[in-house]
Amino acid sequence: DTAIYYCNYRSIKGTYWGQGTQVTV
């Protein structure tokens, strides 16, 4: 599961991403 996790928002108006947060297991 170790990875950079990104938040994502999608609508008919567009798609946006967060800056990412590191998760290390």
PDBML (XML) file of the C-alpha atoms, coordinates in Angstrom:
<?xml version="1.0" encoding="UTF-8" ?>
<PDBx:datablock datablockName="MODEL"
   xmlns:PDBx="http://pdbml.pdb.org/schema/pdbx-v50.xsd"
   xmlns:xsi="http://www.w3.org/2001/XMLSchema-instance"
   xsi:schemaLocation="http://pdbml.pdb.org/schema/pdbx-v50.xsd pdbx-v50.xsd">
   <PDBx:atom_siteCategory>
      <PDBx:atom_site id="1">
         <PDBx:B_iso_or_equiv>0.00</PDBx:B_iso_or_equiv>
         <PDBx:Cartn_x>0.000</PDBx:Cartn_x>
         <PDBx:Cartn_y>0.000</PDBx:Cartn_y>
         <PDBx:Cartn_z>0.000</PDBx:Cartn_z>
         <PDBx:auth_asym_id>A</PDBx:auth_asym_id>
         <PDBx:auth_atom_id>CA</PDBx:auth_atom_id>
         <PDBx:auth_comp_id>ASP</PDBx:auth_comp_id>
         <PDBx:auth_seq_id>1</PDBx:auth_seq_id>
         <PDBx:group_PDB>ATOM</PDBx:group_PDB>
         <PDBx:label_alt_id xsi:nil="true" />
         <PDBx:label_asym_id>A</PDBx:label_asym_id>
         <PDBx:label_atom_id>CA</PDBx:label_atom_id>
         <PDBx:label_comp_id>ASP</PDBx:label_comp_id>
         <PDBx:label_entity_id>1</PDBx:label_entity_id>
         <PDBx:label_seq_id>1</PDBx:label_seq_id>
         <PDBx:occupancy>1.00</PDBx:occupancy>
         <PDBx:pdbx_PDB_model_num>1</PDBx:pdbx_PDB_model_num>
         <PDBx:type_symbol>C</PDBx:type_symbol>
      </PDBx:atom_site>
      <PDBx:atom_site id="2">
         <PDBx:B_iso_or_equiv>0.00</PDBx:B_iso_or_equiv>
         <PDBx:Cartn_x>3.057</PDBx:Cartn_x>
         <PDBx:Cartn_y>2.248</PDBx:Cartn_y>
         <PDBx:Cartn_z>0.147</PDBx:Cartn_z>
         <PDBx:auth_asym_id>A</PDBx:auth_asym_id>
         <PDBx:auth_atom_id>CA</PDBx:auth_atom_id>
         <PDBx:auth_comp_id>THR</PDBx:auth_comp_id>
         <PDBx:auth_seq_id>2</PDBx:auth_seq_id>
         <PDBx:group_PDB>ATOM</PDBx:group_PDB>
         <PDBx:label_alt_id xsi:nil="true" />
         <PDBx:label_asym_id>A</PDBx:label_asym_id>
         <PDBx:label_atom_id>CA</PDBx:label_atom_id>
         <PDBx:label_comp_id>THR</PDBx:label_comp_id>
         <PDBx:label_entity_id>1</PDBx:label_entity_id>
         <PDBx:label_seq_id>2</PDBx:label_seq_id>
         <PDBx:occupancy>1.00</PDBx:occupancy>
         <PDBx:pdbx_PDB_model_num>1</PDBx:pdbx_PDB_model_num>
         <PDBx:type_symbol>C</PDBx:type_symbol>
      </PDBx:atom_site>
      <PDBx:atom_site id="3">
         <PDBx:B_iso_or_equiv>0.00</PDBx:B_iso_or_equiv>
         <PDBx:Cartn_x>2.539</PDBx:Cartn_x>
         <PDBx:Cartn_y>5.078</PDBx:Cartn_y>
         <PDBx:Cartn_z>-2.326</PDBx:Cartn_z>
         <PDBx:auth_asym_id>A</PDBx:auth_asym_id>
         <PDBx:auth_atom_id>CA</PDBx:auth_atom_id>
         <PDBx:auth_comp_id>ALA</PDBx:auth_comp_id>
         <PDBx:auth_seq_id>3</PDBx:auth_seq_id>
         <PDBx:group_PDB>ATOM</PDBx:group_PDB>
         <PDBx:label_alt_id xsi:nil="true" />
         <PDBx:label_asym_id>A</PDBx:label_asym_id>
         <PDBx:label_atom_id>CA</PDBx:label_atom_id>
         <PDBx:label_comp_id>ALA</PDBx:label_comp_id>
         <PDBx:label_entity_id>1</PDBx:label_entity_id>
         <PDBx:label_seq_id>3</PDBx:label_seq_id>
         <PDBx:occupancy>1.00</PDBx:occupancy>
         <PDBx:pdbx_PDB_model_num>1</PDBx:pdbx_PDB_model_num>
         <PDBx:type_symbol>C</PDBx:type_symbol>
      </PDBx:atom_site>
      <PDBx:atom_site id="4">
         <PDBx:B_iso_or_equiv>0.00</PDBx:B_iso_or_equiv>
         <PDBx:Cartn_x>1.729</PDBx:Cartn_x>
         <PDBx:Cartn_y>8.718</PDBx:Cartn_y>
         <PDBx:Cartn_z>-2.721</PDBx:Cartn_z>
         <PDBx:auth_asym_id>A</PDBx:auth_asym_id>
         <PDBx:auth_atom_id>CA</PDBx:auth_atom_id>
         <PDBx:auth_comp_id>ILE</PDBx:auth_comp_id>
         <PDBx:auth_seq_id>4</PDBx:auth_seq_id>
         <PDBx:group_PDB>ATOM</PDBx:group_PDB>
         <PDBx:label_alt_id xsi:nil="true" />
         <PDBx:label_asym_id>A</PDBx:label_asym_id>
         <PDBx:label_atom_id>CA</PDBx:label_atom_id>
         <PDBx:label_comp_id>ILE</PDBx:label_comp_id>
         <PDBx:label_entity_id>1</PDBx:label_entity_id>
         <PDBx:label_seq_id>4</PDBx:label_seq_id>
         <PDBx:occupancy>1.00</PDBx:occupancy>
         <PDBx:pdbx_PDB_model_num>1</PDBx:pdbx_PDB_model_num>
         <PDBx:type_symbol>C</PDBx:type_symbol>
      </PDBx:atom_site>
      <PDBx:atom_site id="5">
         <PDBx:B_iso_or_equiv>0.00</PDBx:B_iso_or_equiv>
         <PDBx:Cartn_x>-2.007</PDBx:Cartn_x>
         <PDBx:Cartn_y>9.087</PDBx:Cartn_y>
         <PDBx:Cartn_z>-2.318</PDBx:Cartn_z>
         <PDBx:auth_asym_id>A</PDBx:auth_asym_id>
         <PDBx:auth_atom_id>CA</PDBx:auth_atom_id>
         <PDBx:auth_comp_id>TYR</PDBx:auth_comp_id>
         <PDBx:auth_seq_id>5</PDBx:auth_seq_id>
         <PDBx:group_PDB>ATOM</PDBx:group_PDB>
         <PDBx:label_alt_id xsi:nil="true" />
         <PDBx:label_asym_id>A</PDBx:label_asym_id>
         <PDBx:label_atom_id>CA</PDBx:label_atom_id>
         <PDBx:label_comp_id>TYR</PDBx:label_comp_id>
         <PDBx:label_entity_id>1</PDBx:label_entity_id>
         <PDBx:label_seq_id>5</PDBx:label_seq_id>
         <PDBx:occupancy>1.00</PDBx:occupancy>
         <PDBx:pdbx_PDB_model_num>1</PDBx:pdbx_PDB_model_num>
         <PDBx:type_symbol>C</PDBx:type_symbol>
      </PDBx:atom_site>
      <PDBx:atom_site id="6">
         <PDBx:B_iso_or_equiv>0.00</PDBx:B_iso_or_equiv>
         <PDBx:Cartn_x>-3.779</PDBx:Cartn_x>
         <PDBx:Cartn_y>11.767</PDBx:Cartn_y>
         <PDBx:Cartn_z>-4.313</PDBx:Cartn_z>
         <PDBx:auth_asym_id>A</PDBx:auth_asym_id>
         <PDBx:auth_atom_id>CA</PDBx:auth_atom_id>
         <PDBx:auth_comp_id>TYR</PDBx:auth_comp_id>
         <PDBx:auth_seq_id>6</PDBx:auth_seq_id>
         <PDBx:group_PDB>ATOM</PDBx:group_PDB>
         <PDBx:label_alt_id xsi:nil="true" />
         <PDBx:label_asym_id>A</PDBx:label_asym_id>
         <PDBx:label_atom_id>CA</PDBx:label_atom_id>
         <PDBx:label_comp_id>TYR</PDBx:label_comp_id>
         <PDBx:label_entity_id>1</PDBx:label_entity_id>
         <PDBx:label_seq_id>6</PDBx:label_seq_id>
         <PDBx:occupancy>1.00</PDBx:occupancy>
         <PDBx:pdbx_PDB_model_num>1</PDBx:pdbx_PDB_model_num>
         <PDBx:type_symbol>C</PDBx:type_symbol>
      </PDBx:atom_site>
      <PDBx:atom_site id="7">
         <PDBx:B_iso_or_equiv>0.00</PDBx:B_iso_or_equiv>
         <PDBx:Cartn_x>-7.199</PDBx:Cartn_x>
         <PDBx:Cartn_y>13.240</PDBx:Cartn_y>
         <PDBx:Cartn_z>-3.751</PDBx:Cartn_z>
         <PDBx:auth_asym_id>A</PDBx:auth_asym_id>
         <PDBx:auth_atom_id>CA</PDBx:auth_atom_id>
         <PDBx:auth_comp_id>CYS</PDBx:auth_comp_id>
         <PDBx:auth_seq_id>7</PDBx:auth_seq_id>
         <PDBx:group_PDB>ATOM</PDBx:group_PDB>
         <PDBx:label_alt_id xsi:nil="true" />
         <PDBx:label_asym_id>A</PDBx:label_asym_id>
         <PDBx:label_atom_id>CA</PDBx:label_atom_id>
         <PDBx:label_comp_id>CYS</PDBx:label_comp_id>
         <PDBx:label_entity_id>1</PDBx:label_entity_id>
         <PDBx:label_seq_id>7</PDBx:label_seq_id>
         <PDBx:occupancy>1.00</PDBx:occupancy>
         <PDBx:pdbx_PDB_model_num>1</PDBx:pdbx_PDB_model_num>
         <PDBx:type_symbol>C</PDBx:type_symbol>
      </PDBx:atom_site>
      <PDBx:atom_site id="8">
         <PDBx:B_iso_or_equiv>0.00</PDBx:B_iso_or_equiv>
         <PDBx:Cartn_x>-9.264</PDBx:Cartn_x>
         <PDBx:Cartn_y>13.722</PDBx:Cartn_y>
         <PDBx:Cartn_z>-6.898</PDBx:Cartn_z>
         <PDBx:auth_asym_id>A</PDBx:auth_asym_id>
         <PDBx:auth_atom_id>CA</PDBx:auth_atom_id>
         <PDBx:auth_comp_id>ASN</PDBx:auth_comp_id>
         <PDBx:auth_seq_id>8</PDBx:auth_seq_id>
         <PDBx:group_PDB>ATOM</PDBx:group_PDB>
         <PDBx:label_alt_id xsi:nil="true" />
         <PDBx:label_asym_id>A</PDBx:label_asym_id>
         <PDBx:label_atom_id>CA</PDBx:label_atom_id>
         <PDBx:label_comp_id>ASN</PDBx:label_comp_id>
         <PDBx:label_entity_id>1</PDBx:label_entity_id>
         <PDBx:label_seq_id>8</PDBx:label_seq_id>
         <PDBx:occupancy>1.00</PDBx:occupancy>
         <PDBx:pdbx_PDB_model_num>1</PDBx:pdbx_PDB_model_num>
         <PDBx:type_symbol>C</PDBx:type_symbol>
      </PDBx:atom_site>
      <PDBx:atom_site id="9">
         <PDBx:B_iso_or_equiv>0.00</PDBx:B_iso_or_equiv>
         <PDBx:Cartn_x>-12.341</PDBx:Cartn_x>
         <PDBx:Cartn_y>15.784</PDBx:Cartn_y>
         <PDBx:Cartn_z>-7.671</PDBx:Cartn_z>
         <PDBx:auth_asym_id>A</PDBx:auth_asym_id>
         <PDBx:auth_atom_id>CA</PDBx:auth_atom_id>
         <PDBx:auth_comp_id>TYR</PDBx:auth_comp_id>
         <PDBx:auth_seq_id>9</PDBx:auth_seq_id>
         <PDBx:group_PDB>ATOM</PDBx:group_PDB>
         <PDBx:label_alt_id xsi:nil="true" />
         <PDBx:label_asym_id>A</PDBx:label_asym_id>
         <PDBx:label_atom_id>CA</PDBx:label_atom_id>
         <PDBx:label_comp_id>TYR</PDBx:label_comp_id>
         <PDBx:label_entity_id>1</PDBx:label_entity_id>
         <PDBx:label_seq_id>9</PDBx:label_seq_id>
         <PDBx:occupancy>1.00</PDBx:occupancy>
         <PDBx:pdbx_PDB_model_num>1</PDBx:pdbx_PDB_model_num>
         <PDBx:type_symbol>C</PDBx:type_symbol>
      </PDBx:atom_site>
      <PDBx:atom_site id="10">
         <PDBx:B_iso_or_equiv>0.00</PDBx:B_iso_or_equiv>
         <PDBx:Cartn_x>-14.390</PDBx:Cartn_x>
         <PDBx:Cartn_y>15.270</PDBx:Cartn_y>
         <PDBx:Cartn_z>-10.844</PDBx:Cartn_z>
         <PDBx:auth_asym_id>A</PDBx:auth_asym_id>
         <PDBx:auth_atom_id>CA</PDBx:auth_atom_id>
         <PDBx:auth_comp_id>ARG</PDBx:auth_comp_id>
         <PDBx:auth_seq_id>10</PDBx:auth_seq_id>
         <PDBx:group_PDB>ATOM</PDBx:group_PDB>
         <PDBx:label_alt_id xsi:nil="true" />
         <PDBx:label_asym_id>A</PDBx:label_asym_id>
         <PDBx:label_atom_id>CA</PDBx:label_atom_id>
         <PDBx:label_comp_id>ARG</PDBx:label_comp_id>
         <PDBx:label_entity_id>1</PDBx:label_entity_id>
         <PDBx:label_seq_id>10</PDBx:label_seq_id>
         <PDBx:occupancy>1.00</PDBx:occupancy>
         <PDBx:pdbx_PDB_model_num>1</PDBx:pdbx_PDB_model_num>
         <PDBx:type_symbol>C</PDBx:type_symbol>
      </PDBx:atom_site>
      <PDBx:atom_site id="11">
         <PDBx:B_iso_or_equiv>0.00</PDBx:B_iso_or_equiv>
         <PDBx:Cartn_x>-17.502</PDBx:Cartn_x>
         <PDBx:Cartn_y>17.023</PDBx:Cartn_y>
         <PDBx:Cartn_z>-12.144</PDBx:Cartn_z>
         <PDBx:auth_asym_id>A</PDBx:auth_asym_id>
         <PDBx:auth_atom_id>CA</PDBx:auth_atom_id>
         <PDBx:auth_comp_id>SER</PDBx:auth_comp_id>
         <PDBx:auth_seq_id>11</PDBx:auth_seq_id>
         <PDBx:group_PDB>ATOM</PDBx:group_PDB>
         <PDBx:label_alt_id xsi:nil="true" />
         <PDBx:label_asym_id>A</PDBx:label_asym_id>
         <PDBx:label_atom_id>CA</PDBx:label_atom_id>
         <PDBx:label_comp_id>SER</PDBx:label_comp_id>
         <PDBx:label_entity_id>1</PDBx:label_entity_id>
         <PDBx:label_seq_id>11</PDBx:label_seq_id>
         <PDBx:occupancy>1.00</PDBx:occupancy>
         <PDBx:pdbx_PDB_model_num>1</PDBx:pdbx_PDB_model_num>
         <PDBx:type_symbol>C</PDBx:type_symbol>
      </PDBx:atom_site>
      <PDBx:atom_site id="12">
         <PDBx:B_iso_or_equiv>0.00</PDBx:B_iso_or_equiv>
         <PDBx:Cartn_x>-18.817</PDBx:Cartn_x>
         <PDBx:Cartn_y>18.221</PDBx:Cartn_y>
         <PDBx:Cartn_z>-15.475</PDBx:Cartn_z>
         <PDBx:auth_asym_id>A</PDBx:auth_asym_id>
         <PDBx:auth_atom_id>CA</PDBx:auth_atom_id>
         <PDBx:auth_comp_id>ILE</PDBx:auth_comp_id>
         <PDBx:auth_seq_id>12</PDBx:auth_seq_id>
         <PDBx:group_PDB>ATOM</PDBx:group_PDB>
         <PDBx:label_alt_id xsi:nil="true" />
         <PDBx:label_asym_id>A</PDBx:label_asym_id>
         <PDBx:label_atom_id>CA</PDBx:label_atom_id>
         <PDBx:label_comp_id>ILE</PDBx:label_comp_id>
         <PDBx:label_entity_id>1</PDBx:label_entity_id>
         <PDBx:label_seq_id>12</PDBx:label_seq_id>
         <PDBx:occupancy>1.00</PDBx:occupancy>
         <PDBx:pdbx_PDB_model_num>1</PDBx:pdbx_PDB_model_num>
         <PDBx:type_symbol>C</PDBx:type_symbol>
      </PDBx:atom_site>
      <PDBx:atom_site id="13">
         <PDBx:B_iso_or_equiv>0.00</PDBx:B_iso_or_equiv>
         <PDBx:Cartn_x>-16.876</PDBx:Cartn_x>
         <PDBx:Cartn_y>21.407</PDBx:Cartn_y>
         <PDBx:Cartn_z>-14.748</PDBx:Cartn_z>
         <PDBx:auth_asym_id>A</PDBx:auth_asym_id>
         <PDBx:auth_atom_id>CA</PDBx:auth_atom_id>
         <PDBx:auth_comp_id>LYS</PDBx:auth_comp_id>
         <PDBx:auth_seq_id>13</PDBx:auth_seq_id>
         <PDBx:group_PDB>ATOM</PDBx:group_PDB>
         <PDBx:label_alt_id xsi:nil="true" />
         <PDBx:label_asym_id>A</PDBx:label_asym_id>
         <PDBx:label_atom_id>CA</PDBx:label_atom_id>
         <PDBx:label_comp_id>LYS</PDBx:label_comp_id>
         <PDBx:label_entity_id>1</PDBx:label_entity_id>
         <PDBx:label_seq_id>13</PDBx:label_seq_id>
         <PDBx:occupancy>1.00</PDBx:occupancy>
         <PDBx:pdbx_PDB_model_num>1</PDBx:pdbx_PDB_model_num>
         <PDBx:type_symbol>C</PDBx:type_symbol>
      </PDBx:atom_site>
      <PDBx:atom_site id="14">
         <PDBx:B_iso_or_equiv>0.00</PDBx:B_iso_or_equiv>
         <PDBx:Cartn_x>-13.506</PDBx:Cartn_x>
         <PDBx:Cartn_y>19.675</PDBx:Cartn_y>
         <PDBx:Cartn_z>-14.657</PDBx:Cartn_z>
         <PDBx:auth_asym_id>A</PDBx:auth_asym_id>
         <PDBx:auth_atom_id>CA</PDBx:auth_atom_id>
         <PDBx:auth_comp_id>GLY</PDBx:auth_comp_id>
         <PDBx:auth_seq_id>14</PDBx:auth_seq_id>
         <PDBx:group_PDB>ATOM</PDBx:group_PDB>
         <PDBx:label_alt_id xsi:nil="true" />
         <PDBx:label_asym_id>A</PDBx:label_asym_id>
         <PDBx:label_atom_id>CA</PDBx:label_atom_id>
         <PDBx:label_comp_id>GLY</PDBx:label_comp_id>
         <PDBx:label_entity_id>1</PDBx:label_entity_id>
         <PDBx:label_seq_id>14</PDBx:label_seq_id>
         <PDBx:occupancy>1.00</PDBx:occupancy>
         <PDBx:pdbx_PDB_model_num>1</PDBx:pdbx_PDB_model_num>
         <PDBx:type_symbol>C</PDBx:type_symbol>
      </PDBx:atom_site>
      <PDBx:atom_site id="15">
         <PDBx:B_iso_or_equiv>0.00</PDBx:B_iso_or_equiv>
         <PDBx:Cartn_x>-11.034</PDBx:Cartn_x>
         <PDBx:Cartn_y>17.442</PDBx:Cartn_y>
         <PDBx:Cartn_z>-12.845</PDBx:Cartn_z>
         <PDBx:auth_asym_id>A</PDBx:auth_asym_id>
         <PDBx:auth_atom_id>CA</PDBx:auth_atom_id>
         <PDBx:auth_comp_id>THR</PDBx:auth_comp_id>
         <PDBx:auth_seq_id>15</PDBx:auth_seq_id>
         <PDBx:group_PDB>ATOM</PDBx:group_PDB>
         <PDBx:label_alt_id xsi:nil="true" />
         <PDBx:label_asym_id>A</PDBx:label_asym_id>
         <PDBx:label_atom_id>CA</PDBx:label_atom_id>
         <PDBx:label_comp_id>THR</PDBx:label_comp_id>
         <PDBx:label_entity_id>1</PDBx:label_entity_id>
         <PDBx:label_seq_id>15</PDBx:label_seq_id>
         <PDBx:occupancy>1.00</PDBx:occupancy>
         <PDBx:pdbx_PDB_model_num>1</PDBx:pdbx_PDB_model_num>
         <PDBx:type_symbol>C</PDBx:type_symbol>
      </PDBx:atom_site>
      <PDBx:atom_site id="16">
         <PDBx:B_iso_or_equiv>0.00</PDBx:B_iso_or_equiv>
         <PDBx:Cartn_x>-8.664</PDBx:Cartn_x>
         <PDBx:Cartn_y>18.523</PDBx:Cartn_y>
         <PDBx:Cartn_z>-10.085</PDBx:Cartn_z>
         <PDBx:auth_asym_id>A</PDBx:auth_asym_id>
         <PDBx:auth_atom_id>CA</PDBx:auth_atom_id>
         <PDBx:auth_comp_id>TYR</PDBx:auth_comp_id>
         <PDBx:auth_seq_id>16</PDBx:auth_seq_id>
         <PDBx:group_PDB>ATOM</PDBx:group_PDB>
         <PDBx:label_alt_id xsi:nil="true" />
         <PDBx:label_asym_id>A</PDBx:label_asym_id>
         <PDBx:label_atom_id>CA</PDBx:label_atom_id>
         <PDBx:label_comp_id>TYR</PDBx:label_comp_id>
         <PDBx:label_entity_id>1</PDBx:label_entity_id>
         <PDBx:label_seq_id>16</PDBx:label_seq_id>
         <PDBx:occupancy>1.00</PDBx:occupancy>
         <PDBx:pdbx_PDB_model_num>1</PDBx:pdbx_PDB_model_num>
         <PDBx:type_symbol>C</PDBx:type_symbol>
      </PDBx:atom_site>
      <PDBx:atom_site id="17">
         <PDBx:B_iso_or_equiv>0.00</PDBx:B_iso_or_equiv>
         <PDBx:Cartn_x>-5.933</PDBx:Cartn_x>
         <PDBx:Cartn_y>16.846</PDBx:Cartn_y>
         <PDBx:Cartn_z>-8.059</PDBx:Cartn_z>
         <PDBx:auth_asym_id>A</PDBx:auth_asym_id>
         <PDBx:auth_atom_id>CA</PDBx:auth_atom_id>
         <PDBx:auth_comp_id>TRP</PDBx:auth_comp_id>
         <PDBx:auth_seq_id>17</PDBx:auth_seq_id>
         <PDBx:group_PDB>ATOM</PDBx:group_PDB>
         <PDBx:label_alt_id xsi:nil="true" />
         <PDBx:label_asym_id>A</PDBx:label_asym_id>
         <PDBx:label_atom_id>CA</PDBx:label_atom_id>
         <PDBx:label_comp_id>TRP</PDBx:label_comp_id>
         <PDBx:label_entity_id>1</PDBx:label_entity_id>
         <PDBx:label_seq_id>17</PDBx:label_seq_id>
         <PDBx:occupancy>1.00</PDBx:occupancy>
         <PDBx:pdbx_PDB_model_num>1</PDBx:pdbx_PDB_model_num>
         <PDBx:type_symbol>C</PDBx:type_symbol>
      </PDBx:atom_site>
      <PDBx:atom_site id="18">
         <PDBx:B_iso_or_equiv>0.00</PDBx:B_iso_or_equiv>
         <PDBx:Cartn_x>-4.476</PDBx:Cartn_x>
         <PDBx:Cartn_y>17.378</PDBx:Cartn_y>
         <PDBx:Cartn_z>-4.640</PDBx:Cartn_z>
         <PDBx:auth_asym_id>A</PDBx:auth_asym_id>
         <PDBx:auth_atom_id>CA</PDBx:auth_atom_id>
         <PDBx:auth_comp_id>GLY</PDBx:auth_comp_id>
         <PDBx:auth_seq_id>18</PDBx:auth_seq_id>
         <PDBx:group_PDB>ATOM</PDBx:group_PDB>
         <PDBx:label_alt_id xsi:nil="true" />
         <PDBx:label_asym_id>A</PDBx:label_asym_id>
         <PDBx:label_atom_id>CA</PDBx:label_atom_id>
         <PDBx:label_comp_id>GLY</PDBx:label_comp_id>
         <PDBx:label_entity_id>1</PDBx:label_entity_id>
         <PDBx:label_seq_id>18</PDBx:label_seq_id>
         <PDBx:occupancy>1.00</PDBx:occupancy>
         <PDBx:pdbx_PDB_model_num>1</PDBx:pdbx_PDB_model_num>
         <PDBx:type_symbol>C</PDBx:type_symbol>
      </PDBx:atom_site>
      <PDBx:atom_site id="19">
         <PDBx:B_iso_or_equiv>0.00</PDBx:B_iso_or_equiv>
         <PDBx:Cartn_x>-0.761</PDBx:Cartn_x>
         <PDBx:Cartn_y>17.687</PDBx:Cartn_y>
         <PDBx:Cartn_z>-4.052</PDBx:Cartn_z>
         <PDBx:auth_asym_id>A</PDBx:auth_asym_id>
         <PDBx:auth_atom_id>CA</PDBx:auth_atom_id>
         <PDBx:auth_comp_id>GLN</PDBx:auth_comp_id>
         <PDBx:auth_seq_id>19</PDBx:auth_seq_id>
         <PDBx:group_PDB>ATOM</PDBx:group_PDB>
         <PDBx:label_alt_id xsi:nil="true" />
         <PDBx:label_asym_id>A</PDBx:label_asym_id>
         <PDBx:label_atom_id>CA</PDBx:label_atom_id>
         <PDBx:label_comp_id>GLN</PDBx:label_comp_id>
         <PDBx:label_entity_id>1</PDBx:label_entity_id>
         <PDBx:label_seq_id>19</PDBx:label_seq_id>
         <PDBx:occupancy>1.00</PDBx:occupancy>
         <PDBx:pdbx_PDB_model_num>1</PDBx:pdbx_PDB_model_num>
         <PDBx:type_symbol>C</PDBx:type_symbol>
      </PDBx:atom_site>
      <PDBx:atom_site id="20">
         <PDBx:B_iso_or_equiv>0.00</PDBx:B_iso_or_equiv>
         <PDBx:Cartn_x>-0.463</PDBx:Cartn_x>
         <PDBx:Cartn_y>14.144</PDBx:Cartn_y>
         <PDBx:Cartn_z>-2.720</PDBx:Cartn_z>
         <PDBx:auth_asym_id>A</PDBx:auth_asym_id>
         <PDBx:auth_atom_id>CA</PDBx:auth_atom_id>
         <PDBx:auth_comp_id>GLY</PDBx:auth_comp_id>
         <PDBx:auth_seq_id>20</PDBx:auth_seq_id>
         <PDBx:group_PDB>ATOM</PDBx:group_PDB>
         <PDBx:label_alt_id xsi:nil="true" />
         <PDBx:label_asym_id>A</PDBx:label_asym_id>
         <PDBx:label_atom_id>CA</PDBx:label_atom_id>
         <PDBx:label_comp_id>GLY</PDBx:label_comp_id>
         <PDBx:label_entity_id>1</PDBx:label_entity_id>
         <PDBx:label_seq_id>20</PDBx:label_seq_id>
         <PDBx:occupancy>1.00</PDBx:occupancy>
         <PDBx:pdbx_PDB_model_num>1</PDBx:pdbx_PDB_model_num>
         <PDBx:type_symbol>C</PDBx:type_symbol>
      </PDBx:atom_site>
      <PDBx:atom_site id="21">
         <PDBx:B_iso_or_equiv>0.00</PDBx:B_iso_or_equiv>
         <PDBx:Cartn_x>0.382</PDBx:Cartn_x>
         <PDBx:Cartn_y>12.689</PDBx:Cartn_y>
         <PDBx:Cartn_z>0.659</PDBx:Cartn_z>
         <PDBx:auth_asym_id>A</PDBx:auth_asym_id>
         <PDBx:auth_atom_id>CA</PDBx:auth_atom_id>
         <PDBx:auth_comp_id>THR</PDBx:auth_comp_id>
         <PDBx:auth_seq_id>21</PDBx:auth_seq_id>
         <PDBx:group_PDB>ATOM</PDBx:group_PDB>
         <PDBx:label_alt_id xsi:nil="true" />
         <PDBx:label_asym_id>A</PDBx:label_asym_id>
         <PDBx:label_atom_id>CA</PDBx:label_atom_id>
         <PDBx:label_comp_id>THR</PDBx:label_comp_id>
         <PDBx:label_entity_id>1</PDBx:label_entity_id>
         <PDBx:label_seq_id>21</PDBx:label_seq_id>
         <PDBx:occupancy>1.00</PDBx:occupancy>
         <PDBx:pdbx_PDB_model_num>1</PDBx:pdbx_PDB_model_num>
         <PDBx:type_symbol>C</PDBx:type_symbol>
      </PDBx:atom_site>
      <PDBx:atom_site id="22">
         <PDBx:B_iso_or_equiv>0.00</PDBx:B_iso_or_equiv>
         <PDBx:Cartn_x>2.921</PDBx:Cartn_x>
         <PDBx:Cartn_y>9.961</PDBx:Cartn_y>
         <PDBx:Cartn_z>1.298</PDBx:Cartn_z>
         <PDBx:auth_asym_id>A</PDBx:auth_asym_id>
         <PDBx:auth_atom_id>CA</PDBx:auth_atom_id>
         <PDBx:auth_comp_id>GLN</PDBx:auth_comp_id>
         <PDBx:auth_seq_id>22</PDBx:auth_seq_id>
         <PDBx:group_PDB>ATOM</PDBx:group_PDB>
         <PDBx:label_alt_id xsi:nil="true" />
         <PDBx:label_asym_id>A</PDBx:label_asym_id>
         <PDBx:label_atom_id>CA</PDBx:label_atom_id>
         <PDBx:label_comp_id>GLN</PDBx:label_comp_id>
         <PDBx:label_entity_id>1</PDBx:label_entity_id>
         <PDBx:label_seq_id>22</PDBx:label_seq_id>
         <PDBx:occupancy>1.00</PDBx:occupancy>
         <PDBx:pdbx_PDB_model_num>1</PDBx:pdbx_PDB_model_num>
         <PDBx:type_symbol>C</PDBx:type_symbol>
      </PDBx:atom_site>
      <PDBx:atom_site id="23">
         <PDBx:B_iso_or_equiv>0.00</PDBx:B_iso_or_equiv>
         <PDBx:Cartn_x>1.831</PDBx:Cartn_x>
         <PDBx:Cartn_y>6.712</PDBx:Cartn_y>
         <PDBx:Cartn_z>2.915</PDBx:Cartn_z>
         <PDBx:auth_asym_id>A</PDBx:auth_asym_id>
         <PDBx:auth_atom_id>CA</PDBx:auth_atom_id>
         <PDBx:auth_comp_id>VAL</PDBx:auth_comp_id>
         <PDBx:auth_seq_id>23</PDBx:auth_seq_id>
         <PDBx:group_PDB>ATOM</PDBx:group_PDB>
         <PDBx:label_alt_id xsi:nil="true" />
         <PDBx:label_asym_id>A</PDBx:label_asym_id>
         <PDBx:label_atom_id>CA</PDBx:label_atom_id>
         <PDBx:label_comp_id>VAL</PDBx:label_comp_id>
         <PDBx:label_entity_id>1</PDBx:label_entity_id>
         <PDBx:label_seq_id>23</PDBx:label_seq_id>
         <PDBx:occupancy>1.00</PDBx:occupancy>
         <PDBx:pdbx_PDB_model_num>1</PDBx:pdbx_PDB_model_num>
         <PDBx:type_symbol>C</PDBx:type_symbol>
      </PDBx:atom_site>
      <PDBx:atom_site id="24">
         <PDBx:B_iso_or_equiv>0.00</PDBx:B_iso_or_equiv>
         <PDBx:Cartn_x>4.583</PDBx:Cartn_x>
         <PDBx:Cartn_y>4.323</PDBx:Cartn_y>
         <PDBx:Cartn_z>3.905</PDBx:Cartn_z>
         <PDBx:auth_asym_id>A</PDBx:auth_asym_id>
         <PDBx:auth_atom_id>CA</PDBx:auth_atom_id>
         <PDBx:auth_comp_id>THR</PDBx:auth_comp_id>
         <PDBx:auth_seq_id>24</PDBx:auth_seq_id>
         <PDBx:group_PDB>ATOM</PDBx:group_PDB>
         <PDBx:label_alt_id xsi:nil="true" />
         <PDBx:label_asym_id>A</PDBx:label_asym_id>
         <PDBx:label_atom_id>CA</PDBx:label_atom_id>
         <PDBx:label_comp_id>THR</PDBx:label_comp_id>
         <PDBx:label_entity_id>1</PDBx:label_entity_id>
         <PDBx:label_seq_id>24</PDBx:label_seq_id>
         <PDBx:occupancy>1.00</PDBx:occupancy>
         <PDBx:pdbx_PDB_model_num>1</PDBx:pdbx_PDB_model_num>
         <PDBx:type_symbol>C</PDBx:type_symbol>
      </PDBx:atom_site>
      <PDBx:atom_site id="25">
         <PDBx:B_iso_or_equiv>0.00</PDBx:B_iso_or_equiv>
         <PDBx:Cartn_x>3.863</PDBx:Cartn_x>
         <PDBx:Cartn_y>0.898</PDBx:Cartn_y>
         <PDBx:Cartn_z>5.357</PDBx:Cartn_z>
         <PDBx:auth_asym_id>A</PDBx:auth_asym_id>
         <PDBx:auth_atom_id>CA</PDBx:auth_atom_id>
         <PDBx:auth_comp_id>VAL</PDBx:auth_comp_id>
         <PDBx:auth_seq_id>25</PDBx:auth_seq_id>
         <PDBx:group_PDB>ATOM</PDBx:group_PDB>
         <PDBx:label_alt_id xsi:nil="true" />
         <PDBx:label_asym_id>A</PDBx:label_asym_id>
         <PDBx:label_atom_id>CA</PDBx:label_atom_id>
         <PDBx:label_comp_id>VAL</PDBx:label_comp_id>
         <PDBx:label_entity_id>1</PDBx:label_entity_id>
         <PDBx:label_seq_id>25</PDBx:label_seq_id>
         <PDBx:occupancy>1.00</PDBx:occupancy>
         <PDBx:pdbx_PDB_model_num>1</PDBx:pdbx_PDB_model_num>
         <PDBx:type_symbol>C</PDBx:type_symbol>
      </PDBx:atom_site>
   </PDBx:atom_siteCategory>
</PDBx:datablock>
